[in-house]
């Protein structure tokens, strides 16, 4: 009887996980399972996770120094969540919707930390790495700002 209860609980948990993944527009299966080879530079754990990169490219524009607007504010909030969680690239930014020198420097620091081209331009790869970080490497229960940044930007 306990075994049936455990199986039922596992199925319910799996279903809840799939519903969550669908809600945040992720494919339930990792790219590696779909037959796509994992990048040589990816770690084993990263290779087993779906990447947010292609999913966020259409929703978020390319950003660079001199840009302004709501998308810059979303990027600044995501950078702040990263900086608070990773304890790097300090100090945090004032969210002013202006991609100035401080946002540029924080972007380059983030790109270096995630081992991608550190050009200070926020393109699909940078947005994707941020979304991957916020999704897979933060504890939303203790850091609700990371969940807010993820939901807003990814």
Foldseek 3Di string as FASTA:
>chain_A
DVVVVVVVVVVVVVVVVVVVCVVLPHDPFAPVVVVDDFDPPDDPVVNRDHWCLVVQQVVADKDAAAFFDDSLLLLLLLLCLVCVFVVDLDDRDDRPRHRHDSLLSSLLRQCVVLVHDSPSMCGSVSLRSSLCCLPPPDDCVVRVSSVVSNVVRD
